[in-house]
Amino acid sequence: MPRLRRPLFAVLAVAAGVLTLAACDKPTPGVTIQSGSTSTVLKPQTYCFDAKPSHCRLTTSGNIGTLHAQGGGKIMVDVPRTIASGFWQVRSATQQSNGTFKSLGGQATSSPVIHDRHNTRVQVPIGSGDYYLIVTEAPQGTNKATGSWVARIVVTD
């Protein structure tokens, strides 16, 4: 009988290890942006599940979404419940040569801090070209998640 327990124990130990690793791979929330009938879901550039740095995911490339929008139109930004229950904000910016973002002028292209609401609309600047839409989740307390989502907006006339 003890010989049968060893293989069973080994199988259970491997299964427990797989489940533990799967728990570390929590899904990160996506943010949906929409212009007209076109929408895209953004993956986070950064996302921290809580205040522990070991619980953060950072992405250096590949997670910037793209959306085409009519100049002078509006973009709808929709966040999931986990973000809507906290504080979040949308801002429009251009990217500088050093990689930092500079906010566009005008209140209509950015939002005030939003709380307990799933969506907001922001104005698309008139003209053509492109800029970035940045959605950020503001930290609250020591155990609150934080994140940022970025999209390149291609403006058409």
C-alpha atoms as a PDB file:
ATOM      1  CA  MET A   1       0.000   0.000   0.000  1.00  0.00           C
ATOM      2  CA  PRO A   2       2.746   2.578   0.777  1.00  0.00           C
ATOM      3  CA  ARG A   3       4.128   2.129  -2.765  1.00  0.00           C
ATOM      4  CA  LEU A   4       0.809   3.289  -4.252  1.00  0.00           C
ATOM      5  CA  ARG A   5       0.764   6.387  -2.075  1.00  0.00           C
ATOM      6  CA  ARG A   6       4.088   7.703  -3.379  1.00  0.00           C
ATOM      7  CA  PRO A   7       2.964   8.076  -7.032  1.00  0.00           C
ATOM      8  CA  LEU A   8      -0.377   9.485  -5.899  1.00  0.00           C
ATOM      9  CA  PHE A   9       1.413  11.985  -3.660  1.00  0.00           C
ATOM     10  CA  ALA A  10       3.710  12.986  -6.532  1.00  0.00           C
ATOM     11  CA  VAL A  11       0.741  13.554  -8.869  1.00  0.00           C
ATOM     12  CA  LEU A  12      -1.072  15.634  -6.242  1.00  0.00           C
ATOM     13  CA  ALA A  13       2.061  17.707  -5.565  1.00  0.00           C
ATOM     14  CA  VAL A  14       2.486  18.487  -9.289  1.00  0.00           C
ATOM     15  CA  ALA A  15      -1.223  19.390  -9.586  1.00  0.00           C
ATOM     16  CA  ALA A  16      -0.958  21.721  -6.585  1.00  0.00           C
ATOM     17  CA  GLY A  17       2.096  23.394  -8.120  1.00  0.00           C
ATOM     18  CA  VAL A  18       0.284  23.977 -11.423  1.00  0.00           C
ATOM     19  CA  LEU A  19      -2.704  25.499  -9.618  1.00  0.00           C
ATOM     20  CA  THR A  20      -0.405  27.783  -7.615  1.00  0.00           C
ATOM     21  CA  LEU A  21       1.297  29.033 -10.791  1.00  0.00           C
ATOM     22  CA  ALA A  22      -2.069  29.554 -12.482  1.00  0.00           C
ATOM     23  CA  ALA A  23      -3.178  31.764  -9.579  1.00  0.00           C
ATOM     24  CA  CYS A  24      -0.157  34.017 -10.250  1.00  0.00           C
ATOM     25  CA  ASP A  25      -1.397  34.580 -13.793  1.00  0.00           C
ATOM     26  CA  LYS A  26      -4.371  36.760 -12.879  1.00  0.00           C
ATOM     27  CA  PRO A  27      -6.049  38.449 -15.822  1.00  0.00           C
ATOM     28  CA  THR A  28      -5.611  42.189 -16.119  1.00  0.00           C
ATOM     29  CA  PRO A  29      -8.615  44.375 -16.931  1.00  0.00           C
ATOM     30  CA  GLY A  30      -9.076  45.783 -20.406  1.00  0.00           C
ATOM     31  CA  VAL A  31     -10.379  49.242 -21.278  1.00  0.00           C
ATOM     32  CA  THR A  32     -12.640  49.658 -24.322  1.00  0.00           C
ATOM     33  CA  ILE A  33     -12.456  52.757 -26.521  1.00  0.00           C
ATOM     34  CA  GLN A  34     -14.909  53.497 -29.319  1.00  0.00           C
ATOM     35  CA  SER A  35     -15.206  56.012 -32.128  1.00  0.00           C
ATOM     36  CA  GLY A  36     -18.288  55.725 -34.330  1.00  0.00           C
ATOM     37  CA  SER A  37     -18.840  52.013 -34.947  1.00  0.00           C
ATOM     38  CA  THR A  38     -15.191  51.056 -34.391  1.00  0.00           C
ATOM     39  CA  SER A  39     -13.941  49.923 -31.004  1.00  0.00           C
ATOM     40  CA  THR A  40     -10.858  48.304 -29.544  1.00  0.00           C
ATOM     41  CA  VAL A  41      -9.991  46.811 -26.167  1.00  0.00           C
ATOM     42  CA  LEU A  42      -6.767  48.096 -24.647  1.00  0.00           C
ATOM     43  CA  LYS A  43      -4.451  45.908 -22.598  1.00  0.00           C
ATOM     44  CA  PRO A  44      -2.674  47.678 -19.730  1.00  0.00           C
ATOM     45  CA  GLN A  45       0.785  49.157 -20.139  1.00  0.00           C
ATOM     46  CA  THR A  46       1.202  48.763 -16.397  1.00  0.00           C
ATOM     47  CA  TYR A  47      -1.036  47.093 -13.877  1.00  0.00           C
ATOM     48  CA  CYS A  48      -0.464  46.554 -10.163  1.00  0.00           C
ATOM     49  CA  PHE A  49      -2.900  44.291  -8.347  1.00  0.00           C
ATOM     50  CA  ASP A  50      -2.009  45.961  -5.019  1.00  0.00           C
ATOM     51  CA  ALA A  51       0.771  48.012  -3.426  1.00  0.00           C
ATOM     52  CA  LYS A  52       3.359  45.195  -3.588  1.00  0.00           C
ATOM     53  CA  PRO A  53       5.829  45.772  -6.456  1.00  0.00           C
ATOM     54  CA  SER A  54       6.013  42.012  -7.005  1.00  0.00           C
ATOM     55  CA  HIS A  55       2.301  42.092  -7.931  1.00  0.00           C
ATOM     56  CA  CYS A  56       2.818  44.509 -10.838  1.00  0.00           C
ATOM     57  CA  ARG A  57       2.955  43.776 -14.547  1.00  0.00           C
ATOM     58  CA  LEU A  58       4.865  46.159 -16.798  1.00  0.00           C
ATOM     59  CA  THR A  59       4.756  46.045 -20.566  1.00  0.00           C
ATOM     60  CA  THR A  60       7.331  48.003 -22.508  1.00  0.00           C
ATOM     61  CA  SER A  61       5.908  47.412 -25.971  1.00  0.00           C
ATOM     62  CA  GLY A  62       3.120  45.777 -27.905  1.00  0.00           C
ATOM     63  CA  ASN A  63       0.187  46.893 -25.777  1.00  0.00           C
ATOM     64  CA  ILE A  64      -0.599  50.199 -27.460  1.00  0.00           C
ATOM     65  CA  GLY A  65      -3.932  49.971 -29.236  1.00  0.00           C
ATOM     66  CA  THR A  66      -4.886  52.019 -32.286  1.00  0.00           C
ATOM     67  CA  LEU A  67      -8.210  53.683 -33.047  1.00  0.00           C
ATOM     68  CA  HIS A  68      -9.171  55.810 -36.065  1.00  0.00           C
ATOM     69  CA  ALA A  69     -11.393  58.766 -35.155  1.00  0.00           C
ATOM     70  CA  GLN A  70     -13.042  61.637 -37.025  1.00  0.00           C
ATOM     71  CA  GLY A  71     -11.581  65.058 -36.225  1.00  0.00           C
ATOM     72  CA  GLY A  72     -14.044  66.978 -34.049  1.00  0.00           C
ATOM     73  CA  GLY A  73     -15.831  63.745 -33.072  1.00  0.00           C
ATOM     74  CA  LYS A  74     -15.911  62.011 -29.711  1.00  0.00           C
ATOM     75  CA  ILE A  75     -14.275  58.931 -28.288  1.00  0.00           C
ATOM     76  CA  MET A  76     -16.147  56.878 -25.714  1.00  0.00           C
ATOM     77  CA  VAL A  77     -13.986  55.280 -23.020  1.00  0.00           C
ATOM     78  CA  ASP A  78     -15.501  52.384 -21.066  1.00  0.00           C
ATOM     79  CA  VAL A  79     -13.804  50.750 -18.076  1.00  0.00           C
ATOM     80  CA  PRO A  80     -14.703  47.541 -16.212  1.00  0.00           C
ATOM     81  CA  ARG A  81     -16.306  47.547 -12.762  1.00  0.00           C
ATOM     82  CA  THR A  82     -12.978  47.031 -10.962  1.00  0.00           C
ATOM     83  CA  ILE A  83     -11.778  50.379 -12.306  1.00  0.00           C
ATOM     84  CA  ALA A  84     -15.128  52.210 -12.297  1.00  0.00           C
ATOM     85  CA  SER A  85     -15.545  51.647  -8.555  1.00  0.00           C
ATOM     86  CA  GLY A  86     -12.384  53.657  -7.936  1.00  0.00           C
ATOM     87  CA  PHE A  87     -10.910  56.829  -9.387  1.00  0.00           C
ATOM     88  CA  TRP A  88      -9.734  57.081 -12.989  1.00  0.00           C
ATOM     89  CA  GLN A  89      -8.985  59.683 -15.636  1.00  0.00           C
ATOM     90  CA  VAL A  90      -8.523  60.043 -19.395  1.00  0.00           C
ATOM     91  CA  ARG A  91      -6.099  62.485 -20.977  1.00  0.00           C
ATOM     92  CA  SER A  92      -5.001  63.210 -24.515  1.00  0.00           C
ATOM     93  CA  ALA A  93      -1.320  63.793 -25.176  1.00  0.00           C
ATOM     94  CA  THR A  94       1.459  63.884 -27.722  1.00  0.00           C
ATOM     95  CA  GLN A  95       4.631  61.891 -27.240  1.00  0.00           C
ATOM     96  CA  GLN A  96       7.849  63.881 -26.936  1.00  0.00           C
ATOM     97  CA  SER A  97      11.172  62.779 -28.441  1.00  0.00           C
ATOM     98  CA  ASN A  98      12.340  61.613 -24.985  1.00  0.00           C
ATOM     99  CA  GLY A  99       9.341  59.269 -24.672  1.00  0.00           C
ATOM    100  CA  THR A 100       7.350  61.338 -22.174  1.00  0.00           C
ATOM    101  CA  PHE A 101       3.809  62.530 -22.849  1.00  0.00           C
ATOM    102  CA  LYS A 102       2.690  66.178 -23.026  1.00  0.00           C
ATOM    103  CA  SER A 103      -1.032  66.830 -22.482  1.00  0.00           C
ATOM    104  CA  LEU A 104      -2.993  68.460 -25.289  1.00  0.00           C
ATOM    105  CA  GLY A 105      -4.532  71.826 -24.496  1.00  0.00           C
ATOM    106  CA  GLY A 106      -8.233  72.172 -23.854  1.00  0.00           C
ATOM    107  CA  GLN A 107     -10.442  70.516 -21.282  1.00  0.00           C
ATOM    108  CA  ALA A 108     -12.599  68.720 -23.852  1.00  0.00           C
ATOM    109  CA  THR A 109      -9.736  66.413 -24.879  1.00  0.00           C
ATOM    110  CA  SER A 110      -9.255  65.141 -21.311  1.00  0.00           C
ATOM    111  CA  SER A 111     -11.602  64.228 -18.492  1.00  0.00           C
ATOM    112  CA  PRO A 112     -11.796  65.259 -14.872  1.00  0.00           C
ATOM    113  CA  VAL A 113     -11.128  62.502 -12.314  1.00  0.00           C
ATOM    114  CA  ILE A 114     -14.039  60.053 -12.556  1.00  0.00           C
ATOM    115  CA  HIS A 115     -15.490  57.957  -9.721  1.00  0.00           C
ATOM    116  CA  ASP A 116     -18.275  55.346  -9.668  1.00  0.00           C
ATOM    117  CA  ARG A 117     -18.919  55.628 -13.405  1.00  0.00           C
ATOM    118  CA  HIS A 118     -18.115  53.167 -16.190  1.00  0.00           C
ATOM    119  CA  ASN A 119     -17.623  55.540 -19.093  1.00  0.00           C
ATOM    120  CA  THR A 120     -16.883  59.017 -20.341  1.00  0.00           C
ATOM    121  CA  ARG A 121     -16.507  60.765 -23.685  1.00  0.00           C
ATOM    122  CA  VAL A 122     -13.609  62.928 -24.784  1.00  0.00           C
ATOM    123  CA  GLN A 123     -13.339  65.274 -27.763  1.00  0.00           C
ATOM    124  CA  VAL A 124     -11.135  64.418 -30.754  1.00  0.00           C
ATOM    125  CA  PRO A 125      -9.100  67.460 -31.856  1.00  0.00           C
ATOM    126  CA  ILE A 126     -10.011  68.947 -35.250  1.00  0.00           C
ATOM    127  CA  GLY A 127      -7.468  68.333 -37.971  1.00  0.00           C
ATOM    128  CA  SER A 128      -5.475  65.284 -38.948  1.00  0.00           C
ATOM    129  CA  GLY A 129      -2.526  63.445 -37.487  1.00  0.00           C
ATOM    130  CA  ASP A 130      -2.311  61.332 -34.404  1.00  0.00           C
ATOM    131  CA  TYR A 131      -1.997  61.599 -30.654  1.00  0.00           C
ATOM    132  CA  TYR A 132      -2.307  59.316 -27.631  1.00  0.00           C
ATOM    133  CA  LEU A 133      -5.218  58.658 -25.313  1.00  0.00           C
ATOM    134  CA  ILE A 134      -4.048  57.639 -21.833  1.00  0.00           C
ATOM    135  CA  VAL A 135      -6.365  56.084 -19.259  1.00  0.00           C
ATOM    136  CA  THR A 136      -5.010  55.940 -15.716  1.00  0.00           C
ATOM    137  CA  GLU A 137      -6.409  54.368 -12.591  1.00  0.00           C
ATOM    138  CA  ALA A 138      -5.601  56.364  -9.456  1.00  0.00           C
ATOM    139  CA  PRO A 139      -4.363  54.520  -6.361  1.00  0.00           C
ATOM    140  CA  GLN A 140      -6.504  54.602  -3.230  1.00  0.00           C
ATOM    141  CA  GLY A 141      -5.078  53.211  -0.032  1.00  0.00           C
ATOM    142  CA  THR A 142      -2.437  50.528   0.215  1.00  0.00           C
ATOM    143  CA  ASN A 143      -4.314  47.595  -1.321  1.00  0.00           C
ATOM    144  CA  LYS A 144      -5.910  49.239  -4.353  1.00  0.00           C
ATOM    145  CA  ALA A 145      -4.935  48.226  -7.864  1.00  0.00           C
ATOM    146  CA  THR A 146      -3.484  50.803 -10.261  1.00  0.00           C
ATOM    147  CA  GLY A 147      -2.948  50.738 -13.981  1.00  0.00           C
ATOM    148  CA  SER A 148      -2.470  52.647 -17.212  1.00  0.00           C
ATOM    149  CA  TRP A 149      -3.738  51.975 -20.736  1.00  0.00           C
ATOM    150  CA  VAL A 150      -2.529  53.759 -23.890  1.00  0.00           C
ATOM    151  CA  ALA A 151      -4.005  54.053 -27.375  1.00  0.00           C
ATOM    152  CA  ARG A 152      -2.721  55.808 -30.477  1.00  0.00           C
ATOM    153  CA  ILE A 153      -5.557  57.838 -31.999  1.00  0.00           C
ATOM    154  CA  VAL A 154      -5.282  58.428 -35.744  1.00  0.00           C
ATOM    155  CA  VAL A 155      -7.345  61.519 -36.595  1.00  0.00           C
ATOM    156  CA  THR A 156      -9.001  61.709 -40.010  1.00  0.00           C
ATOM    157  CA  ASP A 157     -10.796  64.658 -41.631  1.00  0.00           C
END
